[in-house]
Amino acid sequence: MSVVYTLTVWRLASVRVTEPKDMEKFKPSKEEIAEENRKLRMLRFMVDFTISLMYQTDMPREEALEHLEKVRRFALNLFPGKELAFELIYAPRLSRVIKDIYGYH
């Protein structure tokens, strides 16, 4: 009986692998892992910085929404094709901050 695995990585689309030995083909190098970790740290910093900026300044709601879009573009420049990942992970967090500061509009 063959077991089917689904491997999902931020930088790759879902890859179907039928045998564990096939997974060796998709194993990233140490340099690729280090580069991806660096990109994730940059993105995390940008999101945290944007949230701090929203809380600590008296910017209008429209400007806060512009910052959300800038962070989205920054994320998609780092990780092209990962719009869904951004929408699932970071957009709700930023939207909650905007709702917390400006209320529901």
PDB file of N, CA and C in Angstrom:
ATOM      1  N   MET A   1       0.847  -1.187   0.000  1.00  0.00           N
ATOM      2  CA  MET A   1       0.000   0.000   0.000  1.00  0.00           C
ATOM      3  C   MET A   1       0.882   1.235   0.000  1.00  0.00           C
ATOM      4  N   SER A   2       0.635   2.144  -0.903  1.00  0.00           N
ATOM      5  CA  SER A   2       1.419   3.364  -1.028  1.00  0.00           C
ATOM      6  C   SER A   2       0.767   4.477  -0.216  1.00  0.00           C
ATOM      7  N   VAL A   3       1.584   5.219   0.508  1.00  0.00           N
ATOM      8  CA  VAL A   3       1.102   6.324   1.322  1.00  0.00           C
ATOM      9  C   VAL A   3       1.361   7.614   0.557  1.00  0.00           C
ATOM     10  N   VAL A   4       0.395   8.517   0.552  1.00  0.00           N
ATOM     11  CA  VAL A   4       0.533   9.791  -0.150  1.00  0.00           C
ATOM     12  C   VAL A   4       0.682  10.883   0.898  1.00  0.00           C
ATOM     13  N   TYR A   5       1.737  11.693   0.758  1.00  0.00           N
ATOM     14  CA  TYR A   5       2.001  12.801   1.659  1.00  0.00           C
ATOM     15  C   TYR A   5       1.779  14.096   0.895  1.00  0.00           C
ATOM     16  N   THR A   6       1.310  15.122   1.591  1.00  0.00           N
ATOM     17  CA  THR A   6       1.223  16.445   1.000  1.00  0.00           C
ATOM     18  C   THR A   6       2.169  17.334   1.776  1.00  0.00           C
ATOM     19  N   LEU A   7       3.135  17.899   1.085  1.00  0.00           N
ATOM     20  CA  LEU A   7       4.151  18.739   1.690  1.00  0.00           C
ATOM     21  C   LEU A   7       3.845  20.180   1.322  1.00  0.00           C
ATOM     22  N   THR A   8       3.618  21.024   2.322  1.00  0.00           N
ATOM     23  CA  THR A   8       3.343  22.427   2.066  1.00  0.00           C
ATOM     24  C   THR A   8       4.427  23.249   2.743  1.00  0.00           C
ATOM     25  N   VAL A   9       5.093  24.066   1.970  1.00  0.00           N
ATOM     26  CA  VAL A   9       6.152  24.932   2.458  1.00  0.00           C
ATOM     27  C   VAL A   9       5.828  26.335   1.983  1.00  0.00           C
ATOM     28  N   TRP A  10       6.181  27.342   2.764  1.00  0.00           N
ATOM     29  CA  TRP A  10       5.865  28.726   2.416  1.00  0.00           C
ATOM     30  C   TRP A  10       6.356  29.053   1.015  1.00  0.00           C
ATOM     31  N   ARG A  11       7.559  28.618   0.658  1.00  0.00           N
ATOM     32  CA  ARG A  11       8.139  29.014  -0.619  1.00  0.00           C
ATOM     33  C   ARG A  11       7.730  28.113  -1.766  1.00  0.00           C
ATOM     34  N   LEU A  12       7.107  26.983  -1.483  1.00  0.00           N
ATOM     35  CA  LEU A  12       6.670  26.062  -2.525  1.00  0.00           C
ATOM     36  C   LEU A  12       5.163  25.920  -2.494  1.00  0.00           C
ATOM     37  N   ALA A  13       4.607  25.564  -3.598  1.00  0.00           N
ATOM     38  CA  ALA A  13       3.192  25.200  -3.609  1.00  0.00           C
ATOM     39  C   ALA A  13       3.089  23.815  -2.986  1.00  0.00           C
ATOM     40  N   SER A  14       1.915  23.346  -2.755  1.00  0.00           N
ATOM     41  CA  SER A  14       1.762  21.997  -2.229  1.00  0.00           C
ATOM     42  C   SER A  14       2.345  21.010  -3.231  1.00  0.00           C
ATOM     43  N   VAL A  15       3.118  20.080  -2.719  1.00  0.00           N
ATOM     44  CA  VAL A  15       3.763  19.084  -3.567  1.00  0.00           C
ATOM     45  C   VAL A  15       3.308  17.715  -3.080  1.00  0.00           C
ATOM     46  N   ARG A  16       2.798  16.923  -3.982  1.00  0.00           N
ATOM     47  CA  ARG A  16       2.360  15.580  -3.604  1.00  0.00           C
ATOM     48  C   ARG A  16       3.530  14.629  -3.762  1.00  0.00           C
ATOM     49  N   VAL A  17       3.805  13.895  -2.712  1.00  0.00           N
ATOM     50  CA  VAL A  17       4.910  12.959  -2.696  1.00  0.00           C
ATOM     51  C   VAL A  17       4.336  11.601  -2.338  1.00  0.00           C
ATOM     52  N   THR A  18       4.671  10.583  -3.122  1.00  0.00           N
ATOM     53  CA  THR A  18       4.071   9.276  -2.886  1.00  0.00           C
ATOM     54  C   THR A  18       4.909   8.391  -1.977  1.00  0.00           C
ATOM     55  N   GLU A  19       6.181   8.608  -1.881  1.00  0.00           N
ATOM     56  CA  GLU A  19       7.048   7.788  -1.042  1.00  0.00           C
ATOM     57  C   GLU A  19       7.964   8.696  -0.228  1.00  0.00           C
ATOM     58  N   PRO A  20       8.315   8.299   0.996  1.00  0.00           N
ATOM     59  CA  PRO A  20       9.227   9.113   1.804  1.00  0.00           C
ATOM     60  C   PRO A  20      10.559   9.378   1.106  1.00  0.00           C
ATOM     61  N   LYS A  21      11.047   8.428   0.306  1.00  0.00           N
ATOM     62  CA  LYS A  21      12.325   8.650  -0.379  1.00  0.00           C
ATOM     63  C   LYS A  21      12.231   9.795  -1.385  1.00  0.00           C
ATOM     64  N   ASP A  22      11.021  10.052  -1.931  1.00  0.00           N
ATOM     65  CA  ASP A  22      10.824  11.167  -2.853  1.00  0.00           C
ATOM     66  C   ASP A  22      10.985  12.518  -2.158  1.00  0.00           C
ATOM     67  N   MET A  23      10.798  12.536  -0.851  1.00  0.00           N
ATOM     68  CA  MET A  23      10.890  13.784  -0.104  1.00  0.00           C
ATOM     69  C   MET A  23      12.318  14.326  -0.106  1.00  0.00           C
ATOM     70  N   GLU A  24      13.303  13.465  -0.286  1.00  0.00           N
ATOM     71  CA  GLU A  24      14.695  13.909  -0.324  1.00  0.00           C
ATOM     72  C   GLU A  24      14.941  14.861  -1.482  1.00  0.00           C
ATOM     73  N   LYS A  25      14.218  14.708  -2.579  1.00  0.00           N
ATOM     74  CA  LYS A  25      14.383  15.589  -3.734  1.00  0.00           C
ATOM     75  C   LYS A  25      14.015  17.029  -3.396  1.00  0.00           C
ATOM     76  N   PHE A  26      13.069  17.207  -2.477  1.00  0.00           N
ATOM     77  CA  PHE A  26      12.553  18.533  -2.152  1.00  0.00           C
ATOM     78  C   PHE A  26      13.179  19.111  -0.896  1.00  0.00           C
ATOM     79  N   LYS A  27      14.169  18.446  -0.344  1.00  0.00           N
ATOM     80  CA  LYS A  27      14.802  18.921   0.879  1.00  0.00           C
ATOM     81  C   LYS A  27      15.630  20.168   0.563  1.00  0.00           C
ATOM     82  N   PRO A  28      15.318  21.300   1.204  1.00  0.00           N
ATOM     83  CA  PRO A  28      16.059  22.529   0.914  1.00  0.00           C
ATOM     84  C   PRO A  28      17.462  22.480   1.520  1.00  0.00           C
ATOM     85  N   SER A  29      18.371  23.220   0.905  1.00  0.00           N
ATOM     86  CA  SER A  29      19.729  23.293   1.423  1.00  0.00           C
ATOM     87  C   SER A  29      19.752  24.203   2.653  1.00  0.00           C
ATOM     88  N   LYS A  30      20.841  24.177   3.379  1.00  0.00           N
ATOM     89  CA  LYS A  30      20.986  25.039   4.558  1.00  0.00           C
ATOM     90  C   LYS A  30      20.933  26.512   4.161  1.00  0.00           C
ATOM     91  N   GLU A  31      21.485  26.840   2.993  1.00  0.00           N
ATOM     92  CA  GLU A  31      21.460  28.225   2.527  1.00  0.00           C
ATOM     93  C   GLU A  31      20.031  28.667   2.205  1.00  0.00           C
ATOM     94  N   GLU A  32      19.256  27.779   1.593  1.00  0.00           N
ATOM     95  CA  GLU A  32      17.863  28.113   1.282  1.00  0.00           C
ATOM     96  C   GLU A  32      17.044  28.305   2.560  1.00  0.00           C
ATOM     97  N   ILE A  33      17.295  27.471   3.539  1.00  0.00           N
ATOM     98  CA  ILE A  33      16.593  27.605   4.821  1.00  0.00           C
ATOM     99  C   ILE A  33      16.973  28.911   5.496  1.00  0.00           C
ATOM    100  N   ALA A  34      18.270  29.235   5.491  1.00  0.00           N
ATOM    101  CA  ALA A  34      18.732  30.478   6.103  1.00  0.00           C
ATOM    102  C   ALA A  34      18.124  31.689   5.401  1.00  0.00           C
ATOM    103  N   GLU A  35      18.059  31.652   4.068  1.00  0.00           N
ATOM    104  CA  GLU A  35      17.474  32.760   3.308  1.00  0.00           C
ATOM    105  C   GLU A  35      15.980  32.911   3.599  1.00  0.00           C
ATOM    106  N   GLU A  36      15.281  31.804   3.668  1.00  0.00           N
ATOM    107  CA  GLU A  36      13.853  31.872   3.972  1.00  0.00           C
ATOM    108  C   GLU A  36      13.620  32.391   5.392  1.00  0.00           C
ATOM    109  N   ASN A  37      14.436  31.961   6.336  1.00  0.00           N
ATOM    110  CA  ASN A  37      14.321  32.467   7.710  1.00  0.00           C
ATOM    111  C   ASN A  37      14.595  33.966   7.770  1.00  0.00           C
ATOM    112  N   ARG A  38      15.574  34.428   6.987  1.00  0.00           N
ATOM    113  CA  ARG A  38      15.888  35.858   6.937  1.00  0.00           C
ATOM    114  C   ARG A  38      14.688  36.639   6.393  1.00  0.00           C
ATOM    115  N   LYS A  39      14.079  36.140   5.335  1.00  0.00           N
ATOM    116  CA  LYS A  39      12.912  36.801   4.759  1.00  0.00           C
ATOM    117  C   LYS A  39      11.747  36.827   5.744  1.00  0.00           C
ATOM    118  N   LEU A  40      11.540  35.719   6.452  1.00  0.00           N
ATOM    119  CA  LEU A  40      10.452  35.670   7.435  1.00  0.00           C
ATOM    120  C   LEU A  40      10.691  36.650   8.579  1.00  0.00           C
ATOM    121  N   ARG A  41      11.940  36.778   9.025  1.00  0.00           N
ATOM    122  CA  ARG A  41      12.254  37.748  10.079  1.00  0.00           C
ATOM    123  C   ARG A  41      11.992  39.170   9.594  1.00  0.00           C
ATOM    124  N   MET A  42      12.365  39.456   8.340  1.00  0.00           N
ATOM    125  CA  MET A  42      12.109  40.791   7.784  1.00  0.00           C
ATOM    126  C   MET A  42      10.611  41.073   7.739  1.00  0.00           C
ATOM    127  N   LEU A  43       9.840  40.100   7.296  1.00  0.00           N
ATOM    128  CA  LEU A  43       8.393  40.280   7.217  1.00  0.00           C
ATOM    129  C   LEU A  43       7.790  40.450   8.603  1.00  0.00           C
ATOM    130  N   ARG A  44       8.213  39.624   9.552  1.00  0.00           N
ATOM    131  CA  ARG A  44       7.711  39.732  10.927  1.00  0.00           C
ATOM    132  C   ARG A  44       8.029  41.103  11.508  1.00  0.00           C
ATOM    133  N   PHE A  45       9.263  41.585  11.257  1.00  0.00           N
ATOM    134  CA  PHE A  45       9.642  42.909  11.740  1.00  0.00           C
ATOM    135  C   PHE A  45       8.747  43.983  11.119  1.00  0.00           C
ATOM    136  N   MET A  46       8.513  43.892   9.823  1.00  0.00           N
ATOM    137  CA  MET A  46       7.699  44.893   9.127  1.00  0.00           C
ATOM    138  C   MET A  46       6.272  44.911   9.676  1.00  0.00           C
ATOM    139  N   VAL A  47       5.699  43.740   9.915  1.00  0.00           N
ATOM    140  CA  VAL A  47       4.336  43.670  10.469  1.00  0.00           C
ATOM    141  C   VAL A  47       4.312  44.257  11.879  1.00  0.00           C
ATOM    142  N   ASP A  48       5.265  43.857  12.720  1.00  0.00           N
ATOM    143  CA  ASP A  48       5.313  44.381  14.090  1.00  0.00           C
ATOM    144  C   ASP A  48       5.531  45.891  14.107  1.00  0.00           C
ATOM    145  N   PHE A  49       6.422  46.371  13.233  1.00  0.00           N
ATOM    146  CA  PHE A  49       6.690  47.806  13.154  1.00  0.00           C
ATOM    147  C   PHE A  49       5.442  48.572  12.722  1.00  0.00           C
ATOM    148  N   THR A  50       4.728  48.039  11.740  1.00  0.00           N
ATOM    149  CA  THR A  50       3.511  48.692  11.249  1.00  0.00           C
ATOM    150  C   THR A  50       2.450  48.743  12.343  1.00  0.00           C
ATOM    151  N   ILE A  51       2.313  47.662  13.087  1.00  0.00           N
ATOM    152  CA  ILE A  51       1.341  47.651  14.186  1.00  0.00           C
ATOM    153  C   ILE A  51       1.719  48.683  15.245  1.00  0.00           C
ATOM    154  N   SER A  52       2.997  48.749  15.604  1.00  0.00           N
ATOM    155  CA  SER A  52       3.451  49.756  16.573  1.00  0.00           C
ATOM    156  C   SER A  52       3.178  51.163  16.065  1.00  0.00           C
ATOM    157  N   LEU A  53       3.447  51.391  14.786  1.00  0.00           N
ATOM    158  CA  LEU A  53       3.213  52.699  14.193  1.00  0.00           C
ATOM    159  C   LEU A  53       1.734  53.079  14.276  1.00  0.00           C
ATOM    160  N   MET A  54       0.864  52.115  14.006  1.00  0.00           N
ATOM    161  CA  MET A  54      -0.575  52.389  14.065  1.00  0.00           C
ATOM    162  C   MET A  54      -1.018  52.747  15.473  1.00  0.00           C
ATOM    163  N   TYR A  55      -0.506  52.029  16.462  1.00  0.00           N
ATOM    164  CA  TYR A  55      -0.904  52.294  17.843  1.00  0.00           C
ATOM    165  C   TYR A  55      -0.311  53.595  18.384  1.00  0.00           C
ATOM    166  N   GLN A  56       0.891  53.940  17.947  1.00  0.00           N
ATOM    167  CA  GLN A  56       1.604  55.052  18.573  1.00  0.00           C
ATOM    168  C   GLN A  56       1.423  56.398  17.882  1.00  0.00           C
ATOM    169  N   THR A  57       0.775  56.418  16.732  1.00  0.00           N
ATOM    170  CA  THR A  57       0.564  57.697  16.053  1.00  0.00           C
ATOM    171  C   THR A  57      -0.932  57.941  15.889  1.00  0.00           C
ATOM    172  N   ASP A  58      -1.261  59.154  15.553  1.00  0.00           N
ATOM    173  CA  ASP A  58      -2.666  59.529  15.341  1.00  0.00           C
ATOM    174  C   ASP A  58      -2.980  59.589  13.855  1.00  0.00           C
ATOM    175  N   MET A  59      -2.563  58.583  13.114  1.00  0.00           N
ATOM    176  CA  MET A  59      -2.818  58.589  11.672  1.00  0.00           C
ATOM    177  C   MET A  59      -4.291  58.314  11.399  1.00  0.00           C
ATOM    178  N   PRO A  60      -4.808  58.866  10.317  1.00  0.00           N
ATOM    179  CA  PRO A  60      -6.192  58.579   9.936  1.00  0.00           C
ATOM    180  C   PRO A  60      -6.343  57.106   9.522  1.00  0.00           C
ATOM    181  N   ARG A  61      -7.559  56.636   9.549  1.00  0.00           N
ATOM    182  CA  ARG A  61      -7.844  55.239   9.190  1.00  0.00           C
ATOM    183  C   ARG A  61      -7.382  54.921   7.772  1.00  0.00           C
ATOM    184  N   GLU A  62      -7.557  55.836   6.850  1.00  0.00           N
ATOM    185  CA  GLU A  62      -7.163  55.608   5.456  1.00  0.00           C
ATOM    186  C   GLU A  62      -5.660  55.380   5.340  1.00  0.00           C
ATOM    187  N   GLU A  63      -4.887  56.120   6.132  1.00  0.00           N
ATOM    188  CA  GLU A  63      -3.435  55.936   6.120  1.00  0.00           C
ATOM    189  C   GLU A  63      -3.057  54.575   6.698  1.00  0.00           C
ATOM    190  N   ALA A  64      -3.768  54.148   7.722  1.00  0.00           N
ATOM    191  CA  ALA A  64      -3.517  52.819   8.295  1.00  0.00           C
ATOM    192  C   ALA A  64      -3.802  51.730   7.260  1.00  0.00           C
ATOM    193  N   LEU A  65      -4.871  51.911   6.479  1.00  0.00           N
ATOM    194  CA  LEU A  65      -5.182  50.945   5.418  1.00  0.00           C
ATOM    195  C   LEU A  65      -4.112  50.957   4.326  1.00  0.00           C
ATOM    196  N   GLU A  66      -3.550  52.134   4.045  1.00  0.00           N
ATOM    197  CA  GLU A  66      -2.451  52.211   3.086  1.00  0.00           C
ATOM    198  C   GLU A  66      -1.235  51.442   3.601  1.00  0.00           C
ATOM    199  N   HIS A  67      -0.963  51.556   4.892  1.00  0.00           N
ATOM    200  CA  HIS A  67       0.148  50.814   5.484  1.00  0.00           C
ATOM    201  C   HIS A  67      -0.091  49.310   5.375  1.00  0.00           C
ATOM    202  N   LEU A  68      -1.325  48.889   5.583  1.00  0.00           N
ATOM    203  CA  LEU A  68      -1.646  47.466   5.427  1.00  0.00           C
ATOM    204  C   LEU A  68      -1.328  47.011   4.002  1.00  0.00           C
ATOM    205  N   GLU A  69      -1.698  47.815   3.013  1.00  0.00           N
ATOM    206  CA  GLU A  69      -1.419  47.472   1.617  1.00  0.00           C
ATOM    207  C   GLU A  69       0.073  47.463   1.328  1.00  0.00           C
ATOM    208  N   LYS A  70       0.818  48.379   1.937  1.00  0.00           N
ATOM    209  CA  LYS A  70       2.272  48.399   1.741  1.00  0.00           C
ATOM    210  C   LYS A  70       2.922  47.151   2.326  1.00  0.00           C
ATOM    211  N   VAL A  71       2.435  46.726   3.487  1.00  0.00           N
ATOM    212  CA  VAL A  71       2.966  45.497   4.082  1.00  0.00           C
ATOM    213  C   VAL A  71       2.618  44.302   3.198  1.00  0.00           C
ATOM    214  N   ARG A  72       1.422  44.284   2.639  1.00  0.00           N
ATOM    215  CA  ARG A  72       1.025  43.202   1.729  1.00  0.00           C
ATOM    216  C   ARG A  72       1.957  43.152   0.517  1.00  0.00           C
ATOM    217  N   ARG A  73       2.218  44.307  -0.088  1.00  0.00           N
ATOM    218  CA  ARG A  73       3.130  44.339  -1.240  1.00  0.00           C
ATOM    219  C   ARG A  73       4.536  43.894  -0.847  1.00  0.00           C
ATOM    220  N   PHE A  74       4.998  44.320   0.328  1.00  0.00           N
ATOM    221  CA  PHE A  74       6.318  43.917   0.817  1.00  0.00           C
ATOM    222  C   PHE A  74       6.383  42.396   0.960  1.00  0.00           C
ATOM    223  N   ALA A  75       5.343  41.810   1.555  1.00  0.00           N
ATOM    224  CA  ALA A  75       5.299  40.357   1.746  1.00  0.00           C
ATOM    225  C   ALA A  75       5.299  39.623   0.410  1.00  0.00           C
ATOM    226  N   LEU A  76       4.540  40.138  -0.544  1.00  0.00           N
ATOM    227  CA  LEU A  76       4.457  39.465  -1.840  1.00  0.00           C
ATOM    228  C   LEU A  76       5.720  39.657  -2.677  1.00  0.00           C
ATOM    229  N   ASN A  77       6.485  40.705  -2.401  1.00  0.00           N
ATOM    230  CA  ASN A  77       7.794  40.842  -3.039  1.00  0.00           C
ATOM    231  C   ASN A  77       8.766  39.805  -2.481  1.00  0.00           C
ATOM    232  N   LEU A  78       8.667  39.546  -1.183  1.00  0.00           N
ATOM    233  CA  LEU A  78       9.534  38.534  -0.567  1.00  0.00           C
ATOM    234  C   LEU A  78       9.111  37.124  -0.968  1.00  0.00           C
ATOM    235  N   PHE A  79       7.807  36.890  -1.004  1.00  0.00           N
ATOM    236  CA  PHE A  79       7.257  35.557  -1.278  1.00  0.00           C
ATOM    237  C   PHE A  79       6.210  35.656  -2.391  1.00  0.00           C
ATOM    238  N   PRO A  80       6.646  35.747  -3.644  1.00  0.00           N
ATOM    239  CA  PRO A  80       5.689  35.867  -4.754  1.00  0.00           C
ATOM    240  C   PRO A  80       4.727  34.675  -4.811  1.00  0.00           C
ATOM    241  N   GLY A  81       3.474  34.978  -5.102  1.00  0.00           N
ATOM    242  CA  GLY A  81       2.471  33.925  -5.245  1.00  0.00           C
ATOM    243  C   GLY A  81       1.884  33.425  -3.941  1.00  0.00           C
ATOM    244  N   LYS A  82       2.208  34.082  -2.833  1.00  0.00           N
ATOM    245  CA  LYS A  82       1.715  33.624  -1.531  1.00  0.00           C
ATOM    246  C   LYS A  82       0.669  34.575  -0.951  1.00  0.00           C
ATOM    247  N   GLU A  83      -0.210  35.054  -1.817  1.00  0.00           N
ATOM    248  CA  GLU A  83      -1.274  35.956  -1.375  1.00  0.00           C
ATOM    249  C   GLU A  83      -2.156  35.304  -0.323  1.00  0.00           C
ATOM    250  N   LEU A  84      -2.504  34.047  -0.547  1.00  0.00           N
ATOM    251  CA  LEU A  84      -3.388  33.347   0.389  1.00  0.00           C
ATOM    252  C   LEU A  84      -2.736  33.218   1.760  1.00  0.00           C
ATOM    253  N   ALA A  85      -1.459  32.914   1.789  1.00  0.00           N
ATOM    254  CA  ALA A  85      -0.759  32.801   3.074  1.00  0.00           C
ATOM    255  C   ALA A  85      -0.791  34.132   3.813  1.00  0.00           C
ATOM    256  N   PHE A  86      -0.568  35.236   3.096  1.00  0.00           N
ATOM    257  CA  PHE A  86      -0.628  36.545   3.738  1.00  0.00           C
ATOM    258  C   PHE A  86      -2.027  36.816   4.266  1.00  0.00           C
ATOM    259  N   GLU A  87      -3.031  36.512   3.456  1.00  0.00           N
ATOM    260  CA  GLU A  87      -4.417  36.762   3.860  1.00  0.00           C
ATOM    261  C   GLU A  87      -4.825  35.923   5.068  1.00  0.00           C
ATOM    262  N   LEU A  88      -4.244  34.765   5.221  1.00  0.00           N
ATOM    263  CA  LEU A  88      -4.582  33.898   6.350  1.00  0.00           C
ATOM    264  C   LEU A  88      -3.787  34.222   7.615  1.00  0.00           C
ATOM    265  N   ILE A  89      -2.554  34.683   7.456  1.00  0.00           N
ATOM    266  CA  ILE A  89      -1.674  34.860   8.614  1.00  0.00           C
ATOM    267  C   ILE A  89      -1.610  36.304   9.087  1.00  0.00           C
ATOM    268  N   TYR A  90      -1.283  37.221   8.180  1.00  0.00           N
ATOM    269  CA  TYR A  90      -0.992  38.593   8.601  1.00  0.00           C
ATOM    270  C   TYR A  90      -2.147  39.571   8.425  1.00  0.00           C
ATOM    271  N   ALA A  91      -2.943  39.431   7.390  1.00  0.00           N
ATOM    272  CA  ALA A  91      -4.041  40.380   7.161  1.00  0.00           C
ATOM    273  C   ALA A  91      -5.029  40.414   8.330  1.00  0.00           C
ATOM    274  N   PRO A  92      -5.428  39.268   8.908  1.00  0.00           N
ATOM    275  CA  PRO A  92      -6.348  39.340  10.048  1.00  0.00           C
ATOM    276  C   PRO A  92      -5.744  40.074  11.250  1.00  0.00           C
ATOM    277  N   ARG A  93      -4.465  39.878  11.464  1.00  0.00           N
ATOM    278  CA  ARG A  93      -3.799  40.546  12.587  1.00  0.00           C
ATOM    279  C   ARG A  93      -3.813  42.058  12.391  1.00  0.00           C
ATOM    280  N   LEU A  94      -3.445  42.508  11.201  1.00  0.00           N
ATOM    281  CA  LEU A  94      -3.443  43.940  10.919  1.00  0.00           C
ATOM    282  C   LEU A  94      -4.857  44.504  10.920  1.00  0.00           C
ATOM    283  N   SER A  95      -5.814  43.746  10.416  1.00  0.00           N
ATOM    284  CA  SER A  95      -7.215  44.203  10.408  1.00  0.00           C
ATOM    285  C   SER A  95      -7.756  44.342  11.826  1.00  0.00           C
ATOM    286  N   ARG A  96      -7.383  43.417  12.710  1.00  0.00           N
ATOM    287  CA  ARG A  96      -7.814  43.524  14.110  1.00  0.00           C
ATOM    288  C   ARG A  96      -7.280  44.797  14.754  1.00  0.00           C
ATOM    289  N   VAL A  97      -6.036  45.147  14.454  1.00  0.00           N
ATOM    290  CA  VAL A  97      -5.452  46.370  15.008  1.00  0.00           C
ATOM    291  C   VAL A  97      -6.220  47.583  14.494  1.00  0.00           C
ATOM    292  N   ILE A  98      -6.517  47.611  13.214  1.00  0.00           N
ATOM    293  CA  ILE A  98      -7.261  48.736  12.637  1.00  0.00           C
ATOM    294  C   ILE A  98      -8.652  48.831  13.266  1.00  0.00           C
ATOM    295  N   LYS A  99      -9.323  47.703  13.446  1.00  0.00           N
ATOM    296  CA  LYS A  99     -10.644  47.714  14.091  1.00  0.00           C
ATOM    297  C   LYS A  99     -10.548  48.146  15.540  1.00  0.00           C
ATOM    298  N   ASP A 100      -9.469  47.727  16.218  1.00  0.00           N
ATOM    299  CA  ASP A 100      -9.277  48.098  17.615  1.00  0.00           C
ATOM    300  C   ASP A 100      -9.080  49.610  17.762  1.00  0.00           C
ATOM    301  N   ILE A 101      -8.317  50.193  16.869  1.00  0.00           N
ATOM    302  CA  ILE A 101      -8.012  51.615  16.968  1.00  0.00           C
ATOM    303  C   ILE A 101      -9.153  52.486  16.436  1.00  0.00           C
ATOM    304  N   TYR A 102      -9.709  52.131  15.301  1.00  0.00           N
ATOM    305  CA  TYR A 102     -10.659  52.999  14.612  1.00  0.00           C
ATOM    306  C   TYR A 102     -12.104  52.531  14.721  1.00  0.00           C
ATOM    307  N   GLY A 103     -12.330  51.377  15.265  1.00  0.00           N
ATOM    308  CA  GLY A 103     -13.679  50.850  15.357  1.00  0.00           C
ATOM    309  C   GLY A 103     -14.099  50.236  14.039  1.00  0.00           C
ATOM    310  N   TYR A 104     -15.321  49.768  13.983  1.00  0.00           N
ATOM    311  CA  TYR A 104     -15.858  49.137  12.772  1.00  0.00           C
ATOM    312  C   TYR A 104     -16.400  50.203  11.834  1.00  0.00           C
ATOM    313  N   HIS A 105     -15.840  50.278  10.646  1.00  0.00           N
ATOM    314  CA  HIS A 105     -16.323  51.223   9.624  1.00  0.00           C
ATOM    315  C   HIS A 105     -16.478  50.508   8.337  1.00  0.00           C
TER     316      HIS A 105
END
